[in-house]
Amino acid sequence: MLIMAAIFINSSIPKDSMPDLGSWDLFSKKGAHFLEYAVLGAAYLRGLSYQKKASKSILVAAILLGCFYALSDEGHQAFVPGRQPAWSDVLIDTLGTAAGVMAWQWKEGGTSKGKS
């Protein structure tokens, strides 16, 4: 929940209040998207698979939750001055979520065998 709140707060910053990092601006901002959603994906997977190995359906559910949150976050940005929603951000966020899910799953030692 704290991760989602942090993403929401960062998405609420008007464009003219955001720092300009020059030639690194695009890379750093898209990288931040990827990393914050990687953390969110790992948190979703940890919550969904608490005290058990994650099945493939749990892995997919964690990634879909990240994708849905990314969609809602981009919708939210439509109401922030100077910001607008971007499909590319949803894609980056979803890829970040998937990376976080896979990293957490790797840390935990793989998926459960059998039907999901």
N, C-alpha and C. Protein backbone atom coordinates (compact mmCIF):
# COMPACT_ATOMS: atom_id res chain seq x y z
N MET A 1 0.81 -1.19 0.00
CA MET A 1 0.00 0.00 0.00
C MET A 1 0.87 1.27 0.00
N LEU A 2 1.97 1.24 0.73
CA LEU A 2 2.85 2.41 0.77
C LEU A 2 3.49 2.65 -0.59
N ILE A 3 3.81 1.58 -1.29
CA ILE A 3 4.41 1.73 -2.62
C ILE A 3 3.41 2.38 -3.57
N MET A 4 2.17 1.93 -3.51
CA MET A 4 1.12 2.52 -4.36
C MET A 4 0.92 3.99 -4.01
N ALA A 5 0.96 4.32 -2.74
CA ALA A 5 0.81 5.72 -2.32
C ALA A 5 1.97 6.57 -2.84
N ALA A 6 3.18 6.03 -2.77
CA ALA A 6 4.34 6.77 -3.27
C ALA A 6 4.22 7.02 -4.77
N ILE A 7 3.77 6.01 -5.51
CA ILE A 7 3.58 6.18 -6.95
C ILE A 7 2.53 7.25 -7.22
N PHE A 8 1.42 7.21 -6.48
CA PHE A 8 0.34 8.19 -6.65
C PHE A 8 0.84 9.60 -6.35
N ILE A 9 1.58 9.76 -5.27
CA ILE A 9 2.09 11.08 -4.89
C ILE A 9 3.04 11.60 -5.97
N ASN A 10 3.95 10.75 -6.45
CA ASN A 10 4.87 11.19 -7.50
C ASN A 10 4.14 11.54 -8.79
N SER A 11 3.06 10.84 -9.08
CA SER A 11 2.28 11.13 -10.28
C SER A 11 1.45 12.40 -10.14
N SER A 12 1.32 12.90 -8.92
CA SER A 12 0.54 14.11 -8.67
C SER A 12 1.36 15.39 -8.82
N ILE A 13 2.65 15.26 -9.05
CA ILE A 13 3.51 16.43 -9.19
C ILE A 13 3.30 17.06 -10.57
N PRO A 14 2.90 18.33 -10.61
CA PRO A 14 2.72 18.99 -11.91
C PRO A 14 4.04 19.03 -12.68
N LYS A 15 3.93 19.02 -13.99
CA LYS A 15 5.12 18.96 -14.86
C LYS A 15 6.09 20.10 -14.57
N ASP A 16 5.58 21.31 -14.36
CA ASP A 16 6.49 22.45 -14.14
C ASP A 16 7.19 22.41 -12.78
N SER A 17 6.78 21.51 -11.89
CA SER A 17 7.43 21.35 -10.59
C SER A 17 8.44 20.21 -10.58
N MET A 18 8.54 19.48 -11.69
CA MET A 18 9.45 18.35 -11.77
C MET A 18 10.84 18.84 -12.20
N PRO A 19 11.89 18.22 -11.67
CA PRO A 19 13.24 18.64 -12.07
C PRO A 19 13.53 18.25 -13.52
N ASP A 20 14.35 19.04 -14.17
CA ASP A 20 14.81 18.73 -15.53
C ASP A 20 16.25 18.26 -15.41
N LEU A 21 16.49 17.03 -15.80
CA LEU A 21 17.82 16.43 -15.65
C LEU A 21 18.61 16.46 -16.95
N GLY A 22 18.25 17.38 -17.82
CA GLY A 22 18.98 17.55 -19.07
C GLY A 22 18.92 16.32 -19.95
N SER A 23 20.08 15.90 -20.44
CA SER A 23 20.11 14.77 -21.37
C SER A 23 19.75 13.45 -20.69
N TRP A 24 19.77 13.41 -19.37
CA TRP A 24 19.41 12.20 -18.63
C TRP A 24 17.93 12.19 -18.22
N ASP A 25 17.19 13.23 -18.54
CA ASP A 25 15.82 13.38 -18.06
C ASP A 25 14.92 12.20 -18.46
N LEU A 26 14.87 11.90 -19.74
CA LEU A 26 13.99 10.83 -20.21
C LEU A 26 14.41 9.48 -19.62
N PHE A 27 15.69 9.18 -19.67
CA PHE A 27 16.19 7.91 -19.15
C PHE A 27 15.90 7.76 -17.66
N SER A 28 16.16 8.80 -16.89
CA SER A 28 15.98 8.70 -15.44
C SER A 28 14.50 8.59 -15.06
N LYS A 29 13.63 9.31 -15.76
CA LYS A 29 12.21 9.25 -15.43
C LYS A 29 11.59 7.92 -15.83
N LYS A 30 11.97 7.41 -17.01
CA LYS A 30 11.45 6.10 -17.43
C LYS A 30 12.06 5.00 -16.57
N GLY A 31 13.31 5.17 -16.19
CA GLY A 31 13.95 4.22 -15.29
C GLY A 31 13.27 4.19 -13.92
N ALA A 32 12.86 5.37 -13.45
CA ALA A 32 12.14 5.44 -12.18
C ALA A 32 10.80 4.72 -12.29
N HIS A 33 10.10 4.90 -13.41
CA HIS A 33 8.86 4.16 -13.65
C HIS A 33 9.11 2.67 -13.50
N PHE A 34 10.13 2.18 -14.22
CA PHE A 34 10.43 0.75 -14.22
C PHE A 34 10.75 0.26 -12.81
N LEU A 35 11.60 0.98 -12.09
CA LEU A 35 12.02 0.53 -10.76
C LEU A 35 10.90 0.57 -9.73
N GLU A 36 10.09 1.63 -9.75
CA GLU A 36 9.03 1.68 -8.74
C GLU A 36 7.99 0.59 -8.99
N TYR A 37 7.74 0.27 -10.24
CA TYR A 37 6.80 -0.81 -10.53
C TYR A 37 7.42 -2.18 -10.32
N ALA A 38 8.74 -2.30 -10.42
CA ALA A 38 9.41 -3.55 -10.07
C ALA A 38 9.22 -3.84 -8.58
N VAL A 39 9.37 -2.81 -7.77
CA VAL A 39 9.15 -2.97 -6.32
C VAL A 39 7.68 -3.32 -6.07
N LEU A 40 6.77 -2.66 -6.77
CA LEU A 40 5.35 -2.95 -6.61
C LEU A 40 5.04 -4.40 -7.02
N GLY A 41 5.61 -4.85 -8.13
CA GLY A 41 5.39 -6.22 -8.58
C GLY A 41 5.88 -7.24 -7.56
N ALA A 42 7.05 -7.00 -7.00
CA ALA A 42 7.58 -7.91 -5.97
C ALA A 42 6.66 -7.91 -4.75
N ALA A 43 6.16 -6.74 -4.38
CA ALA A 43 5.25 -6.66 -3.22
C ALA A 43 3.94 -7.38 -3.49
N TYR A 44 3.41 -7.22 -4.70
CA TYR A 44 2.18 -7.94 -5.05
C TYR A 44 2.40 -9.45 -4.97
N LEU A 45 3.50 -9.92 -5.53
CA LEU A 45 3.76 -11.36 -5.51
C LEU A 45 3.95 -11.85 -4.09
N ARG A 46 4.67 -11.11 -3.31
CA ARG A 46 4.88 -11.51 -1.91
C ARG A 46 3.55 -11.62 -1.18
N GLY A 47 2.68 -10.65 -1.41
CA GLY A 47 1.37 -10.69 -0.75
C GLY A 47 0.49 -11.82 -1.25
N LEU A 48 0.50 -12.05 -2.54
CA LEU A 48 -0.37 -13.09 -3.11
C LEU A 48 0.12 -14.50 -2.81
N SER A 49 1.41 -14.66 -2.59
CA SER A 49 1.95 -16.01 -2.37
C SER A 49 2.45 -16.19 -0.94
N TYR A 50 1.92 -15.40 -0.03
CA TYR A 50 2.36 -15.45 1.36
C TYR A 50 2.28 -16.88 1.90
N GLN A 51 3.37 -17.39 2.42
CA GLN A 51 3.51 -18.71 3.04
C GLN A 51 3.25 -19.88 2.09
N LYS A 52 3.39 -19.66 0.79
CA LYS A 52 3.29 -20.76 -0.16
C LYS A 52 4.06 -20.38 -1.41
N LYS A 53 4.42 -21.38 -2.19
CA LYS A 53 5.08 -21.10 -3.47
C LYS A 53 4.05 -20.57 -4.44
N ALA A 54 4.46 -19.63 -5.26
CA ALA A 54 3.54 -19.02 -6.22
C ALA A 54 3.32 -19.95 -7.41
N SER A 55 2.07 -20.12 -7.76
CA SER A 55 1.72 -20.84 -8.98
C SER A 55 1.83 -19.87 -10.16
N LYS A 56 1.75 -20.41 -11.35
CA LYS A 56 1.80 -19.54 -12.53
C LYS A 56 0.64 -18.56 -12.53
N SER A 57 -0.51 -18.98 -12.05
CA SER A 57 -1.66 -18.06 -12.03
C SER A 57 -1.43 -16.92 -11.05
N ILE A 58 -0.72 -17.17 -9.97
CA ILE A 58 -0.40 -16.09 -9.02
C ILE A 58 0.61 -15.13 -9.65
N LEU A 59 1.58 -15.66 -10.40
CA LEU A 59 2.53 -14.80 -11.10
C LEU A 59 1.80 -13.88 -12.07
N VAL A 60 0.89 -14.45 -12.84
CA VAL A 60 0.12 -13.66 -13.82
C VAL A 60 -0.75 -12.63 -13.09
N ALA A 61 -1.37 -13.04 -11.99
CA ALA A 61 -2.22 -12.11 -11.23
C ALA A 61 -1.42 -10.92 -10.72
N ALA A 62 -0.21 -11.16 -10.22
CA ALA A 62 0.63 -10.07 -9.72
C ALA A 62 0.99 -9.10 -10.84
N ILE A 63 1.31 -9.64 -12.02
CA ILE A 63 1.64 -8.77 -13.16
C ILE A 63 0.42 -8.00 -13.62
N LEU A 64 -0.75 -8.65 -13.66
CA LEU A 64 -1.97 -7.95 -14.06
C LEU A 64 -2.34 -6.85 -13.07
N LEU A 65 -2.15 -7.10 -11.79
CA LEU A 65 -2.41 -6.04 -10.79
C LEU A 65 -1.53 -4.82 -11.05
N GLY A 66 -0.26 -5.06 -11.36
CA GLY A 66 0.63 -3.95 -11.68
C GLY A 66 0.20 -3.21 -12.93
N CYS A 67 -0.23 -3.97 -13.94
CA CYS A 67 -0.71 -3.35 -15.18
C CYS A 67 -1.95 -2.51 -14.93
N PHE A 68 -2.88 -3.04 -14.15
CA PHE A 68 -4.11 -2.29 -13.85
C PHE A 68 -3.80 -1.03 -13.03
N TYR A 69 -2.84 -1.14 -12.10
CA TYR A 69 -2.47 0.06 -11.34
C TYR A 69 -1.80 1.09 -12.25
N ALA A 70 -0.98 0.61 -13.18
CA ALA A 70 -0.34 1.52 -14.14
C ALA A 70 -1.39 2.24 -14.98
N LEU A 71 -2.41 1.51 -15.42
CA LEU A 71 -3.49 2.14 -16.19
C LEU A 71 -4.21 3.20 -15.37
N SER A 72 -4.50 2.87 -14.11
CA SER A 72 -5.20 3.85 -13.26
C SER A 72 -4.31 5.06 -12.97
N ASP A 73 -3.02 4.82 -12.82
CA ASP A 73 -2.08 5.92 -12.58
C ASP A 73 -1.99 6.85 -13.78
N GLU A 74 -1.96 6.28 -14.97
CA GLU A 74 -1.93 7.13 -16.17
C GLU A 74 -3.24 7.92 -16.30
N GLY A 75 -4.35 7.30 -15.97
CA GLY A 75 -5.63 8.03 -15.95
C GLY A 75 -5.59 9.18 -14.97
N HIS A 76 -5.01 8.94 -13.81
CA HIS A 76 -4.87 9.98 -12.79
C HIS A 76 -4.04 11.15 -13.32
N GLN A 77 -2.99 10.85 -14.08
CA GLN A 77 -2.12 11.92 -14.60
C GLN A 77 -2.84 12.83 -15.59
N ALA A 78 -3.94 12.37 -16.16
CA ALA A 78 -4.71 13.22 -17.08
C ALA A 78 -5.26 14.45 -16.36
N PHE A 79 -5.34 14.39 -15.03
CA PHE A 79 -5.89 15.49 -14.25
C PHE A 79 -4.81 16.33 -13.56
N VAL A 80 -3.55 16.01 -13.81
CA VAL A 80 -2.44 16.74 -13.20
C VAL A 80 -1.92 17.77 -14.21
N PRO A 81 -1.80 19.04 -13.79
CA PRO A 81 -1.36 20.08 -14.73
C PRO A 81 -0.04 19.75 -15.43
N GLY A 82 -0.07 19.84 -16.76
CA GLY A 82 1.11 19.61 -17.57
C GLY A 82 1.44 18.15 -17.83
N ARG A 83 0.71 17.23 -17.22
CA ARG A 83 0.98 15.79 -17.40
C ARG A 83 -0.12 15.20 -18.27
N GLN A 84 0.22 14.16 -18.98
CA GLN A 84 -0.79 13.47 -19.75
C GLN A 84 -0.49 11.98 -19.74
N PRO A 85 -1.53 11.17 -19.88
CA PRO A 85 -1.31 9.71 -19.89
C PRO A 85 -0.54 9.29 -21.14
N ALA A 86 0.23 8.21 -20.98
CA ALA A 86 1.01 7.69 -22.11
C ALA A 86 1.00 6.16 -22.06
N TRP A 87 0.66 5.57 -23.19
CA TRP A 87 0.67 4.11 -23.29
C TRP A 87 2.08 3.57 -23.07
N SER A 88 3.09 4.34 -23.49
CA SER A 88 4.47 3.88 -23.31
C SER A 88 4.80 3.73 -21.82
N ASP A 89 4.24 4.60 -20.98
CA ASP A 89 4.46 4.48 -19.55
C ASP A 89 3.78 3.23 -18.98
N VAL A 90 2.59 2.92 -19.48
CA VAL A 90 1.90 1.70 -19.04
C VAL A 90 2.76 0.48 -19.39
N LEU A 91 3.33 0.49 -20.58
CA LEU A 91 4.19 -0.62 -21.01
C LEU A 91 5.43 -0.72 -20.12
N ILE A 92 6.09 0.39 -19.89
CA ILE A 92 7.28 0.40 -19.03
C ILE A 92 6.93 -0.06 -17.62
N ASP A 93 5.81 0.42 -17.09
CA ASP A 93 5.37 0.04 -15.75
C ASP A 93 5.07 -1.45 -15.68
N THR A 94 4.40 -1.97 -16.70
CA THR A 94 4.06 -3.40 -16.71
C THR A 94 5.32 -4.25 -16.83
N LEU A 95 6.27 -3.83 -17.66
CA LEU A 95 7.54 -4.55 -17.76
C LEU A 95 8.30 -4.50 -16.43
N GLY A 96 8.25 -3.36 -15.76
CA GLY A 96 8.86 -3.25 -14.44
C GLY A 96 8.20 -4.18 -13.44
N THR A 97 6.86 -4.23 -13.48
CA THR A 97 6.13 -5.14 -12.60
C THR A 97 6.56 -6.58 -12.85
N ALA A 98 6.61 -6.97 -14.12
CA ALA A 98 7.01 -8.34 -14.47
C ALA A 98 8.43 -8.62 -13.99
N ALA A 99 9.33 -7.65 -14.13
CA ALA A 99 10.70 -7.84 -13.66
C ALA A 99 10.74 -8.03 -12.14
N GLY A 100 9.96 -7.24 -11.43
CA GLY A 100 9.90 -7.38 -9.97
C GLY A 100 9.32 -8.71 -9.55
N VAL A 101 8.28 -9.15 -10.25
CA VAL A 101 7.66 -10.45 -9.97
C VAL A 101 8.68 -11.56 -10.20
N MET A 102 9.36 -11.51 -11.33
CA MET A 102 10.34 -12.55 -11.65
C MET A 102 11.52 -12.53 -10.67
N ALA A 103 11.97 -11.34 -10.29
CA ALA A 103 13.07 -11.25 -9.33
C ALA A 103 12.67 -11.83 -7.98
N TRP A 104 11.47 -11.50 -7.53
CA TRP A 104 11.00 -12.04 -6.24
C TRP A 104 10.84 -13.55 -6.34
N GLN A 105 10.30 -14.01 -7.44
CA GLN A 105 10.11 -15.45 -7.62
C GLN A 105 11.45 -16.16 -7.65
N TRP A 106 12.42 -15.59 -8.31
CA TRP A 106 13.76 -16.18 -8.36
C TRP A 106 14.36 -16.25 -6.95
N LYS A 107 14.18 -15.16 -6.20
CA LYS A 107 14.67 -15.12 -4.82
C LYS A 107 14.03 -16.22 -3.97
N GLU A 108 12.77 -16.47 -4.22
CA GLU A 108 12.02 -17.46 -3.43
C GLU A 108 12.20 -18.89 -3.94
N GLY A 109 12.81 -19.05 -5.11
CA GLY A 109 13.14 -20.39 -5.57
C GLY A 109 12.21 -21.04 -6.57
N GLY A 110 11.47 -20.28 -7.35
CA GLY A 110 10.67 -20.87 -8.42
C GLY A 110 9.20 -21.00 -8.13
N THR A 111 8.49 -21.62 -9.09
CA THR A 111 7.03 -21.79 -8.97
C THR A 111 6.71 -23.17 -8.44
N SER A 112 5.48 -23.32 -7.97
CA SER A 112 5.02 -24.61 -7.50
C SER A 112 4.72 -25.51 -8.70
N LYS A 113 4.84 -26.78 -8.51
CA LYS A 113 4.52 -27.74 -9.56
C LYS A 113 3.03 -28.04 -9.51
N GLY A 114 2.51 -28.51 -10.62
CA GLY A 114 1.11 -28.88 -10.65
C GLY A 114 0.25 -27.83 -11.29
N LYS A 115 -1.05 -28.03 -11.19
CA LYS A 115 -2.01 -27.12 -11.84
C LYS A 115 -2.07 -25.81 -11.09
N SER A 116 -2.33 -24.74 -11.88
CA SER A 116 -2.48 -23.43 -11.26
C SER A 116 -3.87 -22.91 -11.40
